[in-house]
Amino acid sequence: GELEGLRAGIRSASTRLGVEDPQVQAALKMQSKAAAFKSYCRDLHLQLRVETLVQRMDDLVGKVNNHEHSLKLGPGLWEDPFLAWAREAVAVWLEDDARAKM
């Protein structure tokens, strides 16, 4: 997947350019953000409860929208099962919310 490819690219760049190189540092930061987002989506997927559904889904909408724009890793990022679930859950949530407001 995209995250594994990013890790491999960072290892290669670190060897060639050094860990202190600004591009390597930027890639490490992006990898860290992507990994944290994946962990958040995984945890939400596994721990979602009816009593916290509205709050957690509203939080997820914000996070997915933010990460779609800030993580410029390409469409392969969303092939991860938990990230794909999050993106689809947000789409359904927003669609249902729009219908409820009609």
PDB file of N, CA and C in Angstrom:
ATOM      1  N   GLY A   1       0.813  -1.189   0.000  1.00  0.00           N
ATOM      2  CA  GLY A   1       0.000   0.000   0.000  1.00  0.00           C
ATOM      3  C   GLY A   1       0.858   1.255   0.000  1.00  0.00           C
ATOM      4  N   GLU A   2       0.209   2.340  -0.028  1.00  0.00           N
ATOM      5  CA  GLU A   2       0.876   3.642  -0.094  1.00  0.00           C
ATOM      6  C   GLU A   2       1.777   3.896   1.112  1.00  0.00           C
ATOM      7  N   LEU A   3       1.323   3.512   2.300  1.00  0.00           N
ATOM      8  CA  LEU A   3       2.127   3.762   3.503  1.00  0.00           C
ATOM      9  C   LEU A   3       3.405   2.928   3.510  1.00  0.00           C
ATOM     10  N   GLU A   4       3.320   1.688   3.035  1.00  0.00           N
ATOM     11  CA  GLU A   4       4.511   0.849   2.973  1.00  0.00           C
ATOM     12  C   GLU A   4       5.496   1.406   1.949  1.00  0.00           C
ATOM     13  N   GLY A   5       4.978   1.885   0.836  1.00  0.00           N
ATOM     14  CA  GLY A   5       5.831   2.498  -0.174  1.00  0.00           C
ATOM     15  C   GLY A   5       6.512   3.753   0.351  1.00  0.00           C
ATOM     16  N   LEU A   6       5.780   4.519   1.140  1.00  0.00           N
ATOM     17  CA  LEU A   6       6.361   5.713   1.747  1.00  0.00           C
ATOM     18  C   LEU A   6       7.494   5.333   2.700  1.00  0.00           C
ATOM     19  N   ARG A   7       7.271   4.317   3.517  1.00  0.00           N
ATOM     20  CA  ARG A   7       8.326   3.859   4.438  1.00  0.00           C
ATOM     21  C   ARG A   7       9.587   3.448   3.686  1.00  0.00           C
ATOM     22  N   ALA A   8       9.396   2.691   2.620  1.00  0.00           N
ATOM     23  CA  ALA A   8      10.541   2.230   1.826  1.00  0.00           C
ATOM     24  C   ALA A   8      11.264   3.419   1.190  1.00  0.00           C
ATOM     25  N   GLY A   9      10.511   4.365   0.688  1.00  0.00           N
ATOM     26  CA  GLY A   9      11.111   5.555   0.093  1.00  0.00           C
ATOM     27  C   GLY A   9      11.890   6.376   1.107  1.00  0.00           C
ATOM     28  N   ILE A  10      11.350   6.475   2.312  1.00  0.00           N
ATOM     29  CA  ILE A  10      12.035   7.227   3.374  1.00  0.00           C
ATOM     30  C   ILE A  10      13.338   6.533   3.755  1.00  0.00           C
ATOM     31  N   ARG A  11      13.319   5.209   3.858  1.00  0.00           N
ATOM     32  CA  ARG A  11      14.554   4.467   4.171  1.00  0.00           C
ATOM     33  C   ARG A  11      15.614   4.723   3.107  1.00  0.00           C
ATOM     34  N   SER A  12      15.197   4.659   1.863  1.00  0.00           N
ATOM     35  CA  SER A  12      16.131   4.876   0.762  1.00  0.00           C
ATOM     36  C   SER A  12      16.671   6.308   0.781  1.00  0.00           C
ATOM     37  N   ALA A  13      15.788   7.273   0.956  1.00  0.00           N
ATOM     38  CA  ALA A  13      16.213   8.679   0.988  1.00  0.00           C
ATOM     39  C   ALA A  13      17.105   8.963   2.192  1.00  0.00           C
ATOM     40  N   SER A  14      16.797   8.342   3.323  1.00  0.00           N
ATOM     41  CA  SER A  14      17.617   8.535   4.523  1.00  0.00           C
ATOM     42  C   SER A  14      19.039   8.042   4.295  1.00  0.00           C
ATOM     43  N   THR A  15      19.154   6.930   3.584  1.00  0.00           N
ATOM     44  CA  THR A  15      20.475   6.371   3.291  1.00  0.00           C
ATOM     45  C   THR A  15      21.245   7.289   2.347  1.00  0.00           C
ATOM     46  N   ARG A  16      20.561   7.789   1.323  1.00  0.00           N
ATOM     47  CA  ARG A  16      21.231   8.624   0.331  1.00  0.00           C
ATOM     48  C   ARG A  16      21.462  10.054   0.821  1.00  0.00           C
ATOM     49  N   LEU A  17      20.453  10.644   1.461  1.00  0.00           N
ATOM     50  CA  LEU A  17      20.512  12.067   1.801  1.00  0.00           C
ATOM     51  C   LEU A  17      20.839  12.345   3.263  1.00  0.00           C
ATOM     52  N   GLY A  18      20.583  11.354   4.107  1.00  0.00           N
ATOM     53  CA  GLY A  18      20.760  11.552   5.542  1.00  0.00           C
ATOM     54  C   GLY A  18      19.441  11.905   6.204  1.00  0.00           C
ATOM     55  N   VAL A  19      19.309  11.514   7.437  1.00  0.00           N
ATOM     56  CA  VAL A  19      18.056  11.704   8.178  1.00  0.00           C
ATOM     57  C   VAL A  19      17.743  13.183   8.406  1.00  0.00           C
ATOM     58  N   GLU A  20      18.761  14.019   8.447  1.00  0.00           N
ATOM     59  CA  GLU A  20      18.566  15.442   8.727  1.00  0.00           C
ATOM     60  C   GLU A  20      18.126  16.250   7.499  1.00  0.00           C
ATOM     61  N   ASP A  21      18.131  15.634   6.329  1.00  0.00           N
ATOM     62  CA  ASP A  21      17.721  16.338   5.115  1.00  0.00           C
ATOM     63  C   ASP A  21      16.281  16.835   5.261  1.00  0.00           C
ATOM     64  N   PRO A  22      15.991  18.071   4.861  1.00  0.00           N
ATOM     65  CA  PRO A  22      14.629  18.622   5.009  1.00  0.00           C
ATOM     66  C   PRO A  22      13.550  17.806   4.306  1.00  0.00           C
ATOM     67  N   GLN A  23      13.870  17.230   3.149  1.00  0.00           N
ATOM     68  CA  GLN A  23      12.873  16.416   2.454  1.00  0.00           C
ATOM     69  C   GLN A  23      12.596  15.121   3.217  1.00  0.00           C
ATOM     70  N   VAL A  24      13.631  14.538   3.769  1.00  0.00           N
ATOM     71  CA  VAL A  24      13.455  13.319   4.573  1.00  0.00           C
ATOM     72  C   VAL A  24      12.637  13.653   5.817  1.00  0.00           C
ATOM     73  N   GLN A  25      12.941  14.774   6.445  1.00  0.00           N
ATOM     74  CA  GLN A  25      12.187  15.189   7.636  1.00  0.00           C
ATOM     75  C   GLN A  25      10.712  15.426   7.308  1.00  0.00           C
ATOM     76  N   ALA A  26      10.450  16.067   6.164  1.00  0.00           N
ATOM     77  CA  ALA A  26       9.062  16.310   5.745  1.00  0.00           C
ATOM     78  C   ALA A  26       8.329  14.994   5.491  1.00  0.00           C
ATOM     79  N   ALA A  27       9.020  14.050   4.853  1.00  0.00           N
ATOM     80  CA  ALA A  27       8.411  12.739   4.581  1.00  0.00           C
ATOM     81  C   ALA A  27       8.157  11.976   5.881  1.00  0.00           C
ATOM     82  N   LEU A  28       9.091  12.066   6.820  1.00  0.00           N
ATOM     83  CA  LEU A  28       8.893  11.411   8.118  1.00  0.00           C
ATOM     84  C   LEU A  28       7.689  11.994   8.852  1.00  0.00           C
ATOM     85  N   LYS A  29       7.536  13.303   8.763  1.00  0.00           N
ATOM     86  CA  LYS A  29       6.398  13.972   9.404  1.00  0.00           C
ATOM     87  C   LYS A  29       5.083  13.514   8.763  1.00  0.00           C
ATOM     88  N   MET A  30       5.064  13.434   7.434  1.00  0.00           N
ATOM     89  CA  MET A  30       3.862  12.990   6.733  1.00  0.00           C
ATOM     90  C   MET A  30       3.549  11.526   7.071  1.00  0.00           C
ATOM     91  N   GLN A  31       4.590  10.705   7.145  1.00  0.00           N
ATOM     92  CA  GLN A  31       4.396   9.300   7.510  1.00  0.00           C
ATOM     93  C   GLN A  31       3.809   9.196   8.910  1.00  0.00           C
ATOM     94  N   SER A  32       4.295   9.998   9.822  1.00  0.00           N
ATOM     95  CA  SER A  32       3.792   9.991  11.190  1.00  0.00           C
ATOM     96  C   SER A  32       2.322  10.400  11.245  1.00  0.00           C
ATOM     97  N   LYS A  33       1.963  11.443  10.491  1.00  0.00           N
ATOM     98  CA  LYS A  33       0.563  11.889  10.440  1.00  0.00           C
ATOM     99  C   LYS A  33      -0.336  10.790   9.864  1.00  0.00           C
ATOM    100  N   ALA A  34       0.122  10.170   8.786  1.00  0.00           N
ATOM    101  CA  ALA A  34      -0.671   9.122   8.142  1.00  0.00           C
ATOM    102  C   ALA A  34      -0.847   7.922   9.072  1.00  0.00           C
ATOM    103  N   ALA A  35       0.207   7.544   9.778  1.00  0.00           N
ATOM    104  CA  ALA A  35       0.130   6.403  10.704  1.00  0.00           C
ATOM    105  C   ALA A  35      -0.812   6.720  11.867  1.00  0.00           C
ATOM    106  N   ALA A  36      -0.755   7.940  12.371  1.00  0.00           N
ATOM    107  CA  ALA A  36      -1.650   8.339  13.470  1.00  0.00           C
ATOM    108  C   ALA A  36      -3.103   8.339  13.001  1.00  0.00           C
ATOM    109  N   PHE A  37      -3.332   8.817  11.785  1.00  0.00           N
ATOM    110  CA  PHE A  37      -4.686   8.837  11.232  1.00  0.00           C
ATOM    111  C   PHE A  37      -5.202   7.415  11.034  1.00  0.00           C
ATOM    112  N   LYS A  38      -4.349   6.533  10.537  1.00  0.00           N
ATOM    113  CA  LYS A  38      -4.739   5.135  10.356  1.00  0.00           C
ATOM    114  C   LYS A  38      -5.087   4.506  11.708  1.00  0.00           C
ATOM    115  N   SER A  39      -4.289   4.775  12.723  1.00  0.00           N
ATOM    116  CA  SER A  39      -4.566   4.235  14.065  1.00  0.00           C
ATOM    117  C   SER A  39      -5.879   4.763  14.607  1.00  0.00           C
ATOM    118  N   TYR A  40      -6.133   6.055  14.404  1.00  0.00           N
ATOM    119  CA  TYR A  40      -7.399   6.654  14.856  1.00  0.00           C
ATOM    120  C   TYR A  40      -8.581   5.962  14.184  1.00  0.00           C
ATOM    121  N   CYS A  41      -8.501   5.779  12.854  1.00  0.00           N
ATOM    122  CA  CYS A  41      -9.592   5.138  12.115  1.00  0.00           C
ATOM    123  C   CYS A  41      -9.781   3.686  12.553  1.00  0.00           C
ATOM    124  N   ARG A  42      -8.681   2.974  12.750  1.00  0.00           N
ATOM    125  CA  ARG A  42      -8.765   1.584  13.208  1.00  0.00           C
ATOM    126  C   ARG A  42      -9.442   1.509  14.577  1.00  0.00           C
ATOM    127  N   ASP A  43      -8.991   2.355  15.503  1.00  0.00           N
ATOM    128  CA  ASP A  43      -9.562   2.343  16.848  1.00  0.00           C
ATOM    129  C   ASP A  43     -11.041   2.711  16.834  1.00  0.00           C
ATOM    130  N   LEU A  44     -11.396   3.712  16.041  1.00  0.00           N
ATOM    131  CA  LEU A  44     -12.801   4.103  15.949  1.00  0.00           C
ATOM    132  C   LEU A  44     -13.634   2.967  15.384  1.00  0.00           C
ATOM    133  N   HIS A  45     -13.138   2.340  14.338  1.00  0.00           N
ATOM    134  CA  HIS A  45     -13.858   1.221  13.714  1.00  0.00           C
ATOM    135  C   HIS A  45     -14.097   0.090  14.717  1.00  0.00           C
ATOM    136  N   LEU A  46     -13.102  -0.198  15.506  1.00  0.00           N
ATOM    137  CA  LEU A  46     -13.192  -1.318  16.434  1.00  0.00           C
ATOM    138  C   LEU A  46     -13.964  -0.983  17.711  1.00  0.00           C
ATOM    139  N   GLN A  47     -14.045   0.301  18.062  1.00  0.00           N
ATOM    140  CA  GLN A  47     -14.646   0.687  19.342  1.00  0.00           C
ATOM    141  C   GLN A  47     -15.922   1.521  19.202  1.00  0.00           C
ATOM    142  N   LEU A  48     -16.441   1.675  18.008  1.00  0.00           N
ATOM    143  CA  LEU A  48     -17.615   2.515  17.803  1.00  0.00           C
ATOM    144  C   LEU A  48     -18.815   1.954  18.553  1.00  0.00           C
ATOM    145  N   ARG A  49     -19.475   2.830  19.304  1.00  0.00           N
ATOM    146  CA  ARG A  49     -20.633   2.439  20.103  1.00  0.00           C
ATOM    147  C   ARG A  49     -21.806   3.365  19.769  1.00  0.00           C
ATOM    148  N   VAL A  50     -23.001   2.850  19.904  1.00  0.00           N
ATOM    149  CA  VAL A  50     -24.199   3.626  19.594  1.00  0.00           C
ATOM    150  C   VAL A  50     -24.267   4.906  20.418  1.00  0.00           C
ATOM    151  N   GLU A  51     -23.935   4.821  21.695  1.00  0.00           N
ATOM    152  CA  GLU A  51     -24.064   5.985  22.572  1.00  0.00           C
ATOM    153  C   GLU A  51     -23.100   7.126  22.234  1.00  0.00           C
ATOM    154  N   THR A  52     -22.039   6.848  21.500  1.00  0.00           N
ATOM    155  CA  THR A  52     -21.091   7.903  21.121  1.00  0.00           C
ATOM    156  C   THR A  52     -21.040   8.114  19.608  1.00  0.00           C
ATOM    157  N   LEU A  53     -21.965   7.512  18.888  1.00  0.00           N
ATOM    158  CA  LEU A  53     -21.932   7.521  17.426  1.00  0.00           C
ATOM    159  C   LEU A  53     -21.904   8.931  16.840  1.00  0.00           C
ATOM    160  N   VAL A  54     -22.814   9.785  17.257  1.00  0.00           N
ATOM    161  CA  VAL A  54     -22.914  11.116  16.654  1.00  0.00           C
ATOM    162  C   VAL A  54     -21.627  11.910  16.873  1.00  0.00           C
ATOM    163  N   GLN A  55     -21.153  11.947  18.086  1.00  0.00           N
ATOM    164  CA  GLN A  55     -19.936  12.700  18.385  1.00  0.00           C
ATOM    165  C   GLN A  55     -18.729  12.140  17.636  1.00  0.00           C
ATOM    166  N   ARG A  56     -18.562  10.832  17.663  1.00  0.00           N
ATOM    167  CA  ARG A  56     -17.398  10.214  17.019  1.00  0.00           C
ATOM    168  C   ARG A  56     -17.437  10.382  15.494  1.00  0.00           C
ATOM    169  N   MET A  57     -18.637  10.260  14.909  1.00  0.00           N
ATOM    170  CA  MET A  57     -18.739  10.427  13.460  1.00  0.00           C
ATOM    171  C   MET A  57     -18.499  11.881  13.063  1.00  0.00           C
ATOM    172  N   ASP A  58     -18.988  12.825  13.854  1.00  0.00           N
ATOM    173  CA  ASP A  58     -18.720  14.233  13.561  1.00  0.00           C
ATOM    174  C   ASP A  58     -17.218  14.511  13.623  1.00  0.00           C
ATOM    175  N   ASP A  59     -16.534  13.924  14.611  1.00  0.00           N
ATOM    176  CA  ASP A  59     -15.077  14.051  14.703  1.00  0.00           C
ATOM    177  C   ASP A  59     -14.405  13.438  13.469  1.00  0.00           C
ATOM    178  N   LEU A  60     -14.898  12.275  13.067  1.00  0.00           N
ATOM    179  CA  LEU A  60     -14.316  11.581  11.922  1.00  0.00           C
ATOM    180  C   LEU A  60     -14.481  12.393  10.644  1.00  0.00           C
ATOM    181  N   VAL A  61     -15.629  13.037  10.466  1.00  0.00           N
ATOM    182  CA  VAL A  61     -15.849  13.879   9.280  1.00  0.00           C
ATOM    183  C   VAL A  61     -14.745  14.933   9.184  1.00  0.00           C
ATOM    184  N   GLY A  62     -14.478  15.603  10.291  1.00  0.00           N
ATOM    185  CA  GLY A  62     -13.437  16.624  10.304  1.00  0.00           C
ATOM    186  C   GLY A  62     -12.068  16.051  10.004  1.00  0.00           C
ATOM    187  N   LYS A  63     -11.755  14.914  10.602  1.00  0.00           N
ATOM    188  CA  LYS A  63     -10.431  14.312  10.388  1.00  0.00           C
ATOM    189  C   LYS A  63     -10.250  13.835   8.951  1.00  0.00           C
ATOM    190  N   VAL A  64     -11.265  13.193   8.384  1.00  0.00           N
ATOM    191  CA  VAL A  64     -11.150  12.721   7.004  1.00  0.00           C
ATOM    192  C   VAL A  64     -10.989  13.907   6.063  1.00  0.00           C
ATOM    193  N   ASN A  65     -11.807  14.946   6.245  1.00  0.00           N
ATOM    194  CA  ASN A  65     -11.697  16.124   5.381  1.00  0.00           C
ATOM    195  C   ASN A  65     -10.319  16.766   5.506  1.00  0.00           C
ATOM    196  N   ASN A  66      -9.820  16.880   6.718  1.00  0.00           N
ATOM    197  CA  ASN A  66      -8.508  17.478   6.950  1.00  0.00           C
ATOM    198  C   ASN A  66      -7.405  16.647   6.296  1.00  0.00           C
ATOM    199  N   HIS A  67      -7.452  15.340   6.491  1.00  0.00           N
ATOM    200  CA  HIS A  67      -6.378  14.490   5.986  1.00  0.00           C
ATOM    201  C   HIS A  67      -6.451  14.286   4.473  1.00  0.00           C
ATOM    202  N   GLU A  68      -7.638  14.393   3.886  1.00  0.00           N
ATOM    203  CA  GLU A  68      -7.720  14.297   2.424  1.00  0.00           C
ATOM    204  C   GLU A  68      -6.925  15.427   1.776  1.00  0.00           C
ATOM    205  N   HIS A  69      -6.866  16.569   2.439  1.00  0.00           N
ATOM    206  CA  HIS A  69      -6.167  17.722   1.871  1.00  0.00           C
ATOM    207  C   HIS A  69      -4.728  17.823   2.353  1.00  0.00           C
ATOM    208  N   SER A  70      -4.449  17.398   3.574  1.00  0.00           N
ATOM    209  CA  SER A  70      -3.107  17.594   4.120  1.00  0.00           C
ATOM    210  C   SER A  70      -2.145  16.438   3.811  1.00  0.00           C
ATOM    211  N   LEU A  71      -2.664  15.238   3.637  1.00  0.00           N
ATOM    212  CA  LEU A  71      -1.800  14.097   3.312  1.00  0.00           C
ATOM    213  C   LEU A  71      -1.792  13.894   1.804  1.00  0.00           C
ATOM    214  N   LYS A  72      -0.806  14.413   1.172  1.00  0.00           N
ATOM    215  CA  LYS A  72      -0.719  14.320  -0.285  1.00  0.00           C
ATOM    216  C   LYS A  72       0.074  13.074  -0.680  1.00  0.00           C
ATOM    217  N   LEU A  73      -0.501  11.929  -0.335  1.00  0.00           N
ATOM    218  CA  LEU A  73       0.182  10.663  -0.603  1.00  0.00           C
ATOM    219  C   LEU A  73      -0.423   9.923  -1.780  1.00  0.00           C
ATOM    220  N   GLY A  74      -1.415  10.485  -2.402  1.00  0.00           N
ATOM    221  CA  GLY A  74      -2.026   9.840  -3.549  1.00  0.00           C
ATOM    222  C   GLY A  74      -3.198   8.964  -3.158  1.00  0.00           C
ATOM    223  N   PRO A  75      -3.915   8.488  -4.164  1.00  0.00           N
ATOM    224  CA  PRO A  75      -5.127   7.704  -3.913  1.00  0.00           C
ATOM    225  C   PRO A  75      -4.859   6.356  -3.242  1.00  0.00           C
ATOM    226  N   GLY A  76      -3.635   5.861  -3.336  1.00  0.00           N
ATOM    227  CA  GLY A  76      -3.307   4.577  -2.715  1.00  0.00           C
ATOM    228  C   GLY A  76      -3.428   4.599  -1.198  1.00  0.00           C
ATOM    229  N   LEU A  77      -3.319   5.774  -0.604  1.00  0.00           N
ATOM    230  CA  LEU A  77      -3.474   5.889   0.850  1.00  0.00           C
ATOM    231  C   LEU A  77      -4.810   5.317   1.290  1.00  0.00           C
ATOM    232  N   TRP A  78      -5.837   5.579   0.503  1.00  0.00           N
ATOM    233  CA  TRP A  78      -7.197   5.179   0.871  1.00  0.00           C
ATOM    234  C   TRP A  78      -7.481   3.713   0.584  1.00  0.00           C
ATOM    235  N   GLU A  79      -6.489   2.973   0.101  1.00  0.00           N
ATOM    236  CA  GLU A  79      -6.652   1.535  -0.096  1.00  0.00           C
ATOM    237  C   GLU A  79      -6.522   0.767   1.217  1.00  0.00           C
ATOM    238  N   ASP A  80      -5.934   1.402   2.224  1.00  0.00           N
ATOM    239  CA  ASP A  80      -5.850   0.771   3.537  1.00  0.00           C
ATOM    240  C   ASP A  80      -7.275   0.486   4.018  1.00  0.00           C
ATOM    241  N   PRO A  81      -7.546  -0.712   4.532  1.00  0.00           N
ATOM    242  CA  PRO A  81      -8.921  -1.069   4.899  1.00  0.00           C
ATOM    243  C   PRO A  81      -9.575  -0.113   5.916  1.00  0.00           C
ATOM    244  N   PHE A  82      -8.838   0.326   6.910  1.00  0.00           N
ATOM    245  CA  PHE A  82      -9.435   1.214   7.913  1.00  0.00           C
ATOM    246  C   PHE A  82      -9.647   2.619   7.379  1.00  0.00           C
ATOM    247  N   LEU A  83      -8.748   3.084   6.534  1.00  0.00           N
ATOM    248  CA  LEU A  83      -8.926   4.400   5.938  1.00  0.00           C
ATOM    249  C   LEU A  83     -10.061   4.378   4.912  1.00  0.00           C
ATOM    250  N   ALA A  84     -10.162   3.286   4.164  1.00  0.00           N
ATOM    251  CA  ALA A  84     -11.266   3.137   3.209  1.00  0.00           C
ATOM    252  C   ALA A  84     -12.597   3.105   3.957  1.00  0.00           C
ATOM    253  N   TRP A  85     -12.644   2.370   5.078  1.00  0.00           N
ATOM    254  CA  TRP A  85     -13.861   2.330   5.894  1.00  0.00           C
ATOM    255  C   TRP A  85     -14.226   3.735   6.374  1.00  0.00           C
ATOM    256  N   ALA A  86     -13.236   4.479   6.856  1.00  0.00           N
ATOM    257  CA  ALA A  86     -13.493   5.822   7.376  1.00  0.00           C
ATOM    258  C   ALA A  86     -14.052   6.724   6.289  1.00  0.00           C
ATOM    259  N   ARG A  87     -13.455   6.684   5.131  1.00  0.00           N
ATOM    260  CA  ARG A  87     -13.910   7.532   4.027  1.00  0.00           C
ATOM    261  C   ARG A  87     -15.338   7.179   3.624  1.00  0.00           C
ATOM    262  N   GLU A  88     -15.630   5.880   3.532  1.00  0.00           N
ATOM    263  CA  GLU A  88     -16.975   5.444   3.161  1.00  0.00           C
ATOM    264  C   GLU A  88     -17.985   5.783   4.256  1.00  0.00           C
ATOM    265  N   ALA A  89     -17.592   5.595   5.519  1.00  0.00           N
ATOM    266  CA  ALA A  89     -18.493   5.906   6.636  1.00  0.00           C
ATOM    267  C   ALA A  89     -18.842   7.387   6.650  1.00  0.00           C
ATOM    268  N   VAL A  90     -17.872   8.237   6.378  1.00  0.00           N
ATOM    269  CA  VAL A  90     -18.124   9.685   6.333  1.00  0.00           C
ATOM    270  C   VAL A  90     -19.080  10.021   5.195  1.00  0.00           C
ATOM    271  N   ALA A  91     -18.888   9.426   4.034  1.00  0.00           N
ATOM    272  CA  ALA A  91     -19.768   9.694   2.899  1.00  0.00           C
ATOM    273  C   ALA A  91     -21.211   9.308   3.229  1.00  0.00           C
ATOM    274  N   VAL A  92     -21.389   8.143   3.828  1.00  0.00           N
ATOM    275  CA  VAL A  92     -22.736   7.689   4.202  1.00  0.00           C
ATOM    276  C   VAL A  92     -23.313   8.588   5.286  1.00  0.00           C
ATOM    277  N   TRP A  93     -22.484   8.949   6.263  1.00  0.00           N
ATOM    278  CA  TRP A  93     -22.931   9.804   7.364  1.00  0.00           C
ATOM    279  C   TRP A  93     -23.421  11.157   6.838  1.00  0.00           C
ATOM    280  N   LEU A  94     -22.656  11.752   5.950  1.00  0.00           N
ATOM    281  CA  LEU A  94     -23.035  13.059   5.405  1.00  0.00           C
ATOM    282  C   LEU A  94     -24.274  12.964   4.529  1.00  0.00           C
ATOM    283  N   GLU A  95     -24.389  11.890   3.781  1.00  0.00           N
ATOM    284  CA  GLU A  95     -25.569  11.669   2.944  1.00  0.00           C
ATOM    285  C   GLU A  95     -26.825  11.525   3.810  1.00  0.00           C
ATOM    286  N   ASP A  96     -26.729  10.736   4.867  1.00  0.00           N
ATOM    287  CA  ASP A  96     -27.863  10.555   5.777  1.00  0.00           C
ATOM    288  C   ASP A  96     -28.218  11.851   6.487  1.00  0.00           C
ATOM    289  N   ASP A  97     -27.187  12.616   6.872  1.00  0.00           N
ATOM    290  CA  ASP A  97     -27.411  13.877   7.549  1.00  0.00           C
ATOM    291  C   ASP A  97     -28.129  14.859   6.631  1.00  0.00           C
ATOM    292  N   ALA A  98     -27.732  14.893   5.368  1.00  0.00           N
ATOM    293  CA  ALA A  98     -28.390  15.783   4.389  1.00  0.00           C
ATOM    294  C   ALA A  98     -29.841  15.379   4.190  1.00  0.00           C
ATOM    295  N   ARG A  99     -30.108  14.085   4.132  1.00  0.00           N
ATOM    296  CA  ARG A  99     -31.487  13.614   3.976  1.00  0.00           C
ATOM    297  C   ARG A  99     -32.322  13.975   5.187  1.00  0.00           C
ATOM    298  N   ALA A 100     -31.745  13.877   6.367  1.00  0.00           N
ATOM    299  CA  ALA A 100     -32.478  14.168   7.603  1.00  0.00           C
ATOM    300  C   ALA A 100     -32.860  15.648   7.694  1.00  0.00           C
ATOM    301  N   LYS A 101     -32.058  16.494   7.070  1.00  0.00           N
ATOM    302  CA  LYS A 101     -32.315  17.946   7.130  1.00  0.00           C
ATOM    303  C   LYS A 101     -33.333  18.414   6.100  1.00  0.00           C
ATOM    304  N   MET A 102     -33.721  17.536   5.173  1.00  0.00           N
ATOM    305  CA  MET A 102     -34.707  17.914   4.121  1.00  0.00           C
ATOM    306  C   MET A 102     -36.086  18.089   4.693  1.00  0.00           C
TER     307      MET A 102
END
